[in-house]
Amino acid sequence: RPHRLTYDRLCKNDDILTDVLVDHVLYWTTVRKACKSYHPLDLTHNDVISILSDNVILQRDFPRAMSQILELPGLRQYSESLRSPNEVKDFLHHMRKYLDIYLPDCPFEISSTYRYSASNPENSSLKPEASIVARKHIKCGEEIKYLCGISVPLHKEELALLSKDGRDFSIVESSRKKTVSLMLAPARFVNHTCDPNARLDLKGSAGAMITAIKNIEPGHEITVFYADDYF
């Protein structure tokens, strides 16, 4: 039977990778996790920053970067818990998506916003939402480099559980495929607006890319419109 990435494994992969490679490294606080029971690893963030600086930003040596990341506390245990070579391959593929956003030619960065909350922004208990902001000029029609996602179809029970737990972010619908999917990896941070400057395009069986539909200037948030005919 062909190997397929599962909803559960996609969530677990994304949670540990955002914990290691985004929280308090690229993003000033912590991003929402897909698994309700996720507990952060006991990491020294300077170690992560050193690995990224030396091996990704300066040398572009991804095998070495991945090898060193897998030696961090909790990472080896997690990778050894993967049940097959295909699950290891999925995890490393997912890791590469997050490593790519540290490359000097990455045209965006992860930022934060209160814009999408219905709560009063003056409320001190309000939590910020992650967002994607352009670092460089992006032309209309350009596929936004490294701004990609990994998706899996959701069963009704899985969707209901996500909604019940308040974790129904990055849920996308395809009228063409008649499916509802969970999308994670860097594209999960692209927010919805009624006047978007980008769109989400399917790429392969479980991937997605973001394409600009307007010229996007540095400092502007990259957004898409979520709808039933999304794809």
C-alpha atoms as a PDB file:
ATOM      1  CA  ARG A   1       0.000   0.000   0.000  1.00  0.00           C
ATOM      2  CA  PRO A   2       1.417   3.439  -0.927  1.00  0.00           C
ATOM      3  CA  HIS A   3       2.679   5.512   1.973  1.00  0.00           C
ATOM      4  CA  ARG A   4       0.522   8.511   2.901  1.00  0.00           C
ATOM      5  CA  LEU A   5       1.314  11.207   5.417  1.00  0.00           C
ATOM      6  CA  THR A   6      -1.309  11.101   8.178  1.00  0.00           C
ATOM      7  CA  TYR A   7      -3.084  13.966   9.910  1.00  0.00           C
ATOM      8  CA  ASP A   8      -1.637  12.926  13.275  1.00  0.00           C
ATOM      9  CA  ARG A   9       1.943  12.750  12.007  1.00  0.00           C
ATOM     10  CA  LEU A  10       1.692  16.057  10.131  1.00  0.00           C
ATOM     11  CA  CYS A  11       0.531  17.760  13.341  1.00  0.00           C
ATOM     12  CA  LYS A  12       3.286  16.220  15.446  1.00  0.00           C
ATOM     13  CA  ASN A  13       5.968  17.061  12.885  1.00  0.00           C
ATOM     14  CA  ASP A  14       4.834  20.677  12.639  1.00  0.00           C
ATOM     15  CA  ASP A  15       4.549  21.148  16.396  1.00  0.00           C
ATOM     16  CA  ILE A  16       8.070  20.020  17.179  1.00  0.00           C
ATOM     17  CA  LEU A  17       9.544  21.895  14.205  1.00  0.00           C
ATOM     18  CA  THR A  18       7.846  25.192  15.065  1.00  0.00           C
ATOM     19  CA  ASP A  19       8.969  24.686  18.670  1.00  0.00           C
ATOM     20  CA  VAL A  20      12.598  24.262  17.586  1.00  0.00           C
ATOM     21  CA  LEU A  21      12.880  26.466  14.491  1.00  0.00           C
ATOM     22  CA  VAL A  22      10.322  29.252  14.974  1.00  0.00           C
ATOM     23  CA  ASP A  23       9.420  29.883  18.632  1.00  0.00           C
ATOM     24  CA  HIS A  24      11.798  32.406  20.246  1.00  0.00           C
ATOM     25  CA  VAL A  25      14.170  32.040  17.289  1.00  0.00           C
ATOM     26  CA  LEU A  26      12.472  33.630  14.289  1.00  0.00           C
ATOM     27  CA  TYR A  27       9.273  34.572  16.129  1.00  0.00           C
ATOM     28  CA  TRP A  28       9.348  36.492  19.395  1.00  0.00           C
ATOM     29  CA  THR A  29       6.836  34.291  21.204  1.00  0.00           C
ATOM     30  CA  THR A  30       5.250  30.874  20.575  1.00  0.00           C
ATOM     31  CA  VAL A  31       2.990  29.944  17.676  1.00  0.00           C
ATOM     32  CA  ARG A  32      -0.166  27.909  18.096  1.00  0.00           C
ATOM     33  CA  LYS A  33       0.339  24.179  18.102  1.00  0.00           C
ATOM     34  CA  ALA A  34      -1.791  21.632  16.268  1.00  0.00           C
ATOM     35  CA  CYS A  35      -1.720  19.051  19.083  1.00  0.00           C
ATOM     36  CA  LYS A  36      -3.548  20.006  22.250  1.00  0.00           C
ATOM     37  CA  SER A  37      -1.170  17.935  24.391  1.00  0.00           C
ATOM     38  CA  TYR A  38       2.101  19.322  22.997  1.00  0.00           C
ATOM     39  CA  HIS A  39       4.740  20.232  25.602  1.00  0.00           C
ATOM     40  CA  PRO A  40       7.686  22.440  24.555  1.00  0.00           C
ATOM     41  CA  LEU A  41      11.160  20.944  24.501  1.00  0.00           C
ATOM     42  CA  ASP A  42      13.806  22.098  26.955  1.00  0.00           C
ATOM     43  CA  LEU A  43      15.994  23.877  24.411  1.00  0.00           C
ATOM     44  CA  THR A  44      18.786  26.415  24.486  1.00  0.00           C
ATOM     45  CA  HIS A  45      17.678  28.723  21.684  1.00  0.00           C
ATOM     46  CA  ASN A  46      21.208  30.061  21.165  1.00  0.00           C
ATOM     47  CA  ASP A  47      22.226  26.549  20.102  1.00  0.00           C
ATOM     48  CA  VAL A  48      19.506  26.575  17.446  1.00  0.00           C
ATOM     49  CA  ILE A  49      20.503  30.052  16.268  1.00  0.00           C
ATOM     50  CA  SER A  50      24.145  28.938  15.987  1.00  0.00           C
ATOM     51  CA  ILE A  51      23.207  25.915  13.862  1.00  0.00           C
ATOM     52  CA  LEU A  52      21.062  28.049  11.575  1.00  0.00           C
ATOM     53  CA  SER A  53      23.631  30.821  11.258  1.00  0.00           C
ATOM     54  CA  ASP A  54      26.599  28.562  10.547  1.00  0.00           C
ATOM     55  CA  ASN A  55      24.996  25.875   8.399  1.00  0.00           C
ATOM     56  CA  VAL A  56      21.979  27.434   6.695  1.00  0.00           C
ATOM     57  CA  ILE A  57      22.617  31.170   6.367  1.00  0.00           C
ATOM     58  CA  LEU A  58      26.392  31.080   5.779  1.00  0.00           C
ATOM     59  CA  GLN A  59      27.132  27.645   4.308  1.00  0.00           C
ATOM     60  CA  ARG A  60      23.755  26.503   2.928  1.00  0.00           C
ATOM     61  CA  ASP A  61      24.730  23.048   4.192  1.00  0.00           C
ATOM     62  CA  PHE A  62      21.337  21.485   4.865  1.00  0.00           C
ATOM     63  CA  PRO A  63      22.504  17.911   5.597  1.00  0.00           C
ATOM     64  CA  ARG A  64      24.839  19.222   8.316  1.00  0.00           C
ATOM     65  CA  ALA A  65      22.159  21.528   9.708  1.00  0.00           C
ATOM     66  CA  MET A  66      19.634  18.689   9.884  1.00  0.00           C
ATOM     67  CA  SER A  67      22.172  16.364  11.483  1.00  0.00           C
ATOM     68  CA  GLN A  68      22.942  18.902  14.216  1.00  0.00           C
ATOM     69  CA  ILE A  69      19.268  19.722  14.788  1.00  0.00           C
ATOM     70  CA  LEU A  70      18.543  16.025  15.284  1.00  0.00           C
ATOM     71  CA  GLU A  71      21.125  16.014  18.094  1.00  0.00           C
ATOM     72  CA  LEU A  72      19.209  18.648  20.077  1.00  0.00           C
ATOM     73  CA  PRO A  73      17.363  17.567  23.262  1.00  0.00           C
ATOM     74  CA  GLY A  74      14.162  15.758  22.375  1.00  0.00           C
ATOM     75  CA  LEU A  75      14.791  15.698  18.623  1.00  0.00           C
ATOM     76  CA  ARG A  76      16.671  12.411  18.501  1.00  0.00           C
ATOM     77  CA  GLN A  77      14.031  10.770  20.677  1.00  0.00           C
ATOM     78  CA  TYR A  78      11.312  12.059  18.370  1.00  0.00           C
ATOM     79  CA  SER A  79      13.056  10.998  15.163  1.00  0.00           C
ATOM     80  CA  GLU A  80      13.730   7.540  16.593  1.00  0.00           C
ATOM     81  CA  SER A  81      10.021   7.200  17.405  1.00  0.00           C
ATOM     82  CA  LEU A  82       9.162   7.444  13.706  1.00  0.00           C
ATOM     83  CA  ARG A  83       8.014   4.047  12.551  1.00  0.00           C
ATOM     84  CA  SER A  84       9.339   3.802   9.006  1.00  0.00           C
ATOM     85  CA  PRO A  85      11.865   5.293   6.579  1.00  0.00           C
ATOM     86  CA  ASN A  86       8.958   7.078   4.894  1.00  0.00           C
ATOM     87  CA  GLU A  87       7.983   8.785   8.151  1.00  0.00           C
ATOM     88  CA  VAL A  88      11.600   9.898   8.612  1.00  0.00           C
ATOM     89  CA  LYS A  89      11.594  11.210   5.037  1.00  0.00           C
ATOM     90  CA  ASP A  90       8.349  13.137   5.691  1.00  0.00           C
ATOM     91  CA  PHE A  91       9.841  14.676   8.835  1.00  0.00           C
ATOM     92  CA  LEU A  92      13.059  15.778   7.121  1.00  0.00           C
ATOM     93  CA  HIS A  93      11.054  17.138   4.173  1.00  0.00           C
ATOM     94  CA  HIS A  94       8.966  19.168   6.628  1.00  0.00           C
ATOM     95  CA  MET A  95      12.101  20.353   8.451  1.00  0.00           C
ATOM     96  CA  ARG A  96      13.597  21.571   5.175  1.00  0.00           C
ATOM     97  CA  LYS A  97      10.525  23.790   4.605  1.00  0.00           C
ATOM     98  CA  TYR A  98      11.283  25.634   7.848  1.00  0.00           C
ATOM     99  CA  LEU A  99      15.039  25.766   7.237  1.00  0.00           C
ATOM    100  CA  ASP A 100      14.475  27.402   3.846  1.00  0.00           C
ATOM    101  CA  ILE A 101      12.900  30.482   5.429  1.00  0.00           C
ATOM    102  CA  TYR A 102      16.301  31.353   6.969  1.00  0.00           C
ATOM    103  CA  LEU A 103      18.017  31.628   3.593  1.00  0.00           C
ATOM    104  CA  PRO A 104      19.162  35.150   2.656  1.00  0.00           C
ATOM    105  CA  ASP A 105      17.018  35.115  -0.500  1.00  0.00           C
ATOM    106  CA  CYS A 106      13.804  34.319   1.392  1.00  0.00           C
ATOM    107  CA  PRO A 107      11.390  37.137   0.415  1.00  0.00           C
ATOM    108  CA  PHE A 108       9.295  37.054   3.594  1.00  0.00           C
ATOM    109  CA  GLU A 109       9.493  36.757   7.366  1.00  0.00           C
ATOM    110  CA  ILE A 110       7.203  35.572  10.142  1.00  0.00           C
ATOM    111  CA  SER A 111       5.774  38.520  12.044  1.00  0.00           C
ATOM    112  CA  SER A 112       2.852  39.019  14.430  1.00  0.00           C
ATOM    113  CA  THR A 113      -0.474  40.816  14.316  1.00  0.00           C
ATOM    114  CA  TYR A 114      -3.554  41.486  16.446  1.00  0.00           C
ATOM    115  CA  ARG A 115      -5.622  42.420  13.374  1.00  0.00           C
ATOM    116  CA  TYR A 116      -7.542  39.164  13.121  1.00  0.00           C
ATOM    117  CA  SER A 117      -8.720  38.951  16.701  1.00  0.00           C
ATOM    118  CA  ALA A 118     -12.255  39.981  17.581  1.00  0.00           C
ATOM    119  CA  SER A 119     -10.997  40.973  21.004  1.00  0.00           C
ATOM    120  CA  ASN A 120      -9.896  44.440  22.030  1.00  0.00           C
ATOM    121  CA  PRO A 121      -6.189  44.838  21.161  1.00  0.00           C
ATOM    122  CA  GLU A 122      -5.755  46.784  24.390  1.00  0.00           C
ATOM    123  CA  ASN A 123      -6.559  43.636  26.331  1.00  0.00           C
ATOM    124  CA  SER A 124      -3.275  42.583  27.919  1.00  0.00           C
ATOM    125  CA  SER A 125      -4.302  38.920  27.876  1.00  0.00           C
ATOM    126  CA  LEU A 126      -4.764  38.964  24.101  1.00  0.00           C
ATOM    127  CA  LYS A 127      -2.391  36.655  22.256  1.00  0.00           C
ATOM    128  CA  PRO A 128      -0.871  37.769  18.949  1.00  0.00           C
ATOM    129  CA  GLU A 129      -1.321  35.746  15.781  1.00  0.00           C
ATOM    130  CA  ALA A 130       1.565  34.937  13.483  1.00  0.00           C
ATOM    131  CA  SER A 131       1.569  36.554  10.050  1.00  0.00           C
ATOM    132  CA  ILE A 132       3.724  36.600   6.929  1.00  0.00           C
ATOM    133  CA  VAL A 133       5.274  39.916   5.882  1.00  0.00           C
ATOM    134  CA  ALA A 134       7.212  40.614   2.675  1.00  0.00           C
ATOM    135  CA  ARG A 135      10.927  41.407   3.071  1.00  0.00           C
ATOM    136  CA  LYS A 136      11.413  42.205  -0.601  1.00  0.00           C
ATOM    137  CA  HIS A 137       9.322  43.455  -3.513  1.00  0.00           C
ATOM    138  CA  ILE A 138       7.242  40.571  -4.877  1.00  0.00           C
ATOM    139  CA  LYS A 139       5.813  40.909  -8.381  1.00  0.00           C
ATOM    140  CA  CYS A 140       2.233  40.070  -9.322  1.00  0.00           C
ATOM    141  CA  GLY A 141       2.154  36.509 -10.680  1.00  0.00           C
ATOM    142  CA  GLU A 142       5.322  35.470  -8.854  1.00  0.00           C
ATOM    143  CA  GLU A 143       5.342  32.212  -6.921  1.00  0.00           C
ATOM    144  CA  ILE A 144       6.581  33.279  -3.505  1.00  0.00           C
ATOM    145  CA  LYS A 145       9.780  31.374  -2.898  1.00  0.00           C
ATOM    146  CA  TYR A 146       9.813  29.104   0.186  1.00  0.00           C
ATOM    147  CA  LEU A 147       6.248  30.089   1.190  1.00  0.00           C
ATOM    148  CA  CYS A 148       4.855  26.589   0.918  1.00  0.00           C
ATOM    149  CA  GLY A 149       2.627  24.210   2.818  1.00  0.00           C
ATOM    150  CA  ILE A 150       2.130  20.508   3.464  1.00  0.00           C
ATOM    151  CA  SER A 151      -1.460  19.296   3.604  1.00  0.00           C
ATOM    152  CA  VAL A 152      -3.460  16.198   4.445  1.00  0.00           C
ATOM    153  CA  PRO A 153      -7.193  15.554   3.939  1.00  0.00           C
ATOM    154  CA  LEU A 154      -9.287  15.598   7.106  1.00  0.00           C
ATOM    155  CA  HIS A 155     -12.031  13.180   8.082  1.00  0.00           C
ATOM    156  CA  LYS A 156     -15.184  14.670   9.601  1.00  0.00           C
ATOM    157  CA  GLU A 157     -14.189  13.389  13.035  1.00  0.00           C
ATOM    158  CA  GLU A 158     -10.765  15.036  12.839  1.00  0.00           C
ATOM    159  CA  LEU A 159     -12.258  18.346  11.706  1.00  0.00           C
ATOM    160  CA  ALA A 160     -14.816  18.227  14.525  1.00  0.00           C
ATOM    161  CA  LEU A 161     -12.067  17.579  17.083  1.00  0.00           C
ATOM    162  CA  LEU A 162      -9.980  20.489  15.797  1.00  0.00           C
ATOM    163  CA  SER A 163     -12.994  22.802  15.959  1.00  0.00           C
ATOM    164  CA  LYS A 164     -13.910  21.646  19.453  1.00  0.00           C
ATOM    165  CA  ASP A 165     -10.383  22.315  20.738  1.00  0.00           C
ATOM    166  CA  GLY A 166     -10.098  25.695  18.983  1.00  0.00           C
ATOM    167  CA  ARG A 167      -7.299  24.425  16.760  1.00  0.00           C
ATOM    168  CA  ASP A 168      -9.120  24.755  13.444  1.00  0.00           C
ATOM    169  CA  PHE A 169      -6.565  27.117  11.906  1.00  0.00           C
ATOM    170  CA  SER A 170      -5.060  26.416   8.483  1.00  0.00           C
ATOM    171  CA  ILE A 171      -8.163  24.529   7.381  1.00  0.00           C
ATOM    172  CA  VAL A 172      -8.621  24.826   3.623  1.00  0.00           C
ATOM    173  CA  GLU A 173     -11.454  23.593   1.417  1.00  0.00           C
ATOM    174  CA  SER A 174     -11.227  22.378  -2.166  1.00  0.00           C
ATOM    175  CA  SER A 175     -14.453  22.464  -4.165  1.00  0.00           C
ATOM    176  CA  ARG A 176     -12.659  20.731  -7.034  1.00  0.00           C
ATOM    177  CA  LYS A 177     -11.523  17.808  -4.910  1.00  0.00           C
ATOM    178  CA  LYS A 178     -14.487  18.012  -2.520  1.00  0.00           C
ATOM    179  CA  THR A 179     -12.119  17.768   0.428  1.00  0.00           C
ATOM    180  CA  VAL A 180     -11.233  19.680   3.558  1.00  0.00           C
ATOM    181  CA  SER A 181      -7.541  19.638   4.449  1.00  0.00           C
ATOM    182  CA  LEU A 182      -5.214  20.735   7.200  1.00  0.00           C
ATOM    183  CA  MET A 183      -2.250  22.712   5.867  1.00  0.00           C
ATOM    184  CA  LEU A 184       0.885  23.219   7.947  1.00  0.00           C
ATOM    185  CA  ALA A 185       4.547  24.239   7.334  1.00  0.00           C
ATOM    186  CA  PRO A 186       5.356  27.939   6.652  1.00  0.00           C
ATOM    187  CA  ALA A 187       2.227  28.670   4.569  1.00  0.00           C
ATOM    188  CA  ARG A 188       0.109  28.029   7.682  1.00  0.00           C
ATOM    189  CA  PHE A 189       1.004  31.553   8.836  1.00  0.00           C
ATOM    190  CA  VAL A 190      -0.605  33.270   5.830  1.00  0.00           C
ATOM    191  CA  ASN A 191      -3.794  34.947   7.060  1.00  0.00           C
ATOM    192  CA  HIS A 192      -7.189  35.484   5.430  1.00  0.00           C
ATOM    193  CA  THR A 193      -8.522  38.784   4.169  1.00  0.00           C
ATOM    194  CA  CYS A 194     -11.355  39.812   1.841  1.00  0.00           C
ATOM    195  CA  ASP A 195      -8.894  41.827  -0.251  1.00  0.00           C
ATOM    196  CA  PRO A 196      -5.936  39.451  -0.636  1.00  0.00           C
ATOM    197  CA  ASN A 197      -2.687  40.022  -2.459  1.00  0.00           C
ATOM    198  CA  ALA A 198      -1.922  36.324  -2.972  1.00  0.00           C
ATOM    199  CA  ARG A 199      -3.585  32.970  -3.584  1.00  0.00           C
ATOM    200  CA  LEU A 200      -2.898  29.384  -2.553  1.00  0.00           C
ATOM    201  CA  ASP A 201      -2.132  26.929  -5.347  1.00  0.00           C
ATOM    202  CA  LEU A 202      -2.004  23.159  -5.119  1.00  0.00           C
ATOM    203  CA  LYS A 203       1.370  21.644  -5.882  1.00  0.00           C
ATOM    204  CA  GLY A 204       1.596  17.881  -6.051  1.00  0.00           C
ATOM    205  CA  SER A 205      -0.477  15.512  -3.962  1.00  0.00           C
ATOM    206  CA  ALA A 206       0.219  17.051  -0.551  1.00  0.00           C
ATOM    207  CA  GLY A 207       1.818  20.415  -1.183  1.00  0.00           C
ATOM    208  CA  ALA A 208       0.814  24.023  -1.709  1.00  0.00           C
ATOM    209  CA  MET A 209       2.479  27.245  -2.804  1.00  0.00           C
ATOM    210  CA  ILE A 210       1.498  30.891  -2.443  1.00  0.00           C
ATOM    211  CA  THR A 211       1.421  33.073  -5.576  1.00  0.00           C
ATOM    212  CA  ALA A 212       1.180  36.875  -5.585  1.00  0.00           C
ATOM    213  CA  ILE A 213      -1.908  38.273  -7.353  1.00  0.00           C
ATOM    214  CA  LYS A 214      -0.805  41.877  -6.787  1.00  0.00           C
ATOM    215  CA  ASN A 215       2.545  43.585  -6.438  1.00  0.00           C
ATOM    216  CA  ILE A 216       3.550  43.264  -2.782  1.00  0.00           C
ATOM    217  CA  GLU A 217       5.862  45.842  -1.245  1.00  0.00           C
ATOM    218  CA  PRO A 218       8.355  45.191   1.591  1.00  0.00           C
ATOM    219  CA  GLY A 219       6.666  45.425   4.981  1.00  0.00           C
ATOM    220  CA  HIS A 220       3.229  44.502   3.638  1.00  0.00           C
ATOM    221  CA  GLU A 221       1.472  41.414   4.965  1.00  0.00           C
ATOM    222  CA  ILE A 222       0.946  38.558   2.502  1.00  0.00           C
ATOM    223  CA  THR A 223      -2.683  37.398   2.642  1.00  0.00           C
ATOM    224  CA  VAL A 224      -5.055  35.034   0.848  1.00  0.00           C
ATOM    225  CA  PHE A 225      -8.820  34.646   0.642  1.00  0.00           C
ATOM    226  CA  TYR A 226     -10.250  31.464   2.133  1.00  0.00           C
ATOM    227  CA  ALA A 227     -13.439  30.270   0.426  1.00  0.00           C
ATOM    228  CA  ASP A 228     -15.237  27.110  -0.646  1.00  0.00           C
ATOM    229  CA  ASP A 229     -13.700  27.382  -4.114  1.00  0.00           C
ATOM    230  CA  TYR A 230     -10.303  28.053  -2.607  1.00  0.00           C
ATOM    231  CA  PHE A 231      -8.452  25.795  -5.042  1.00  0.00           C
END
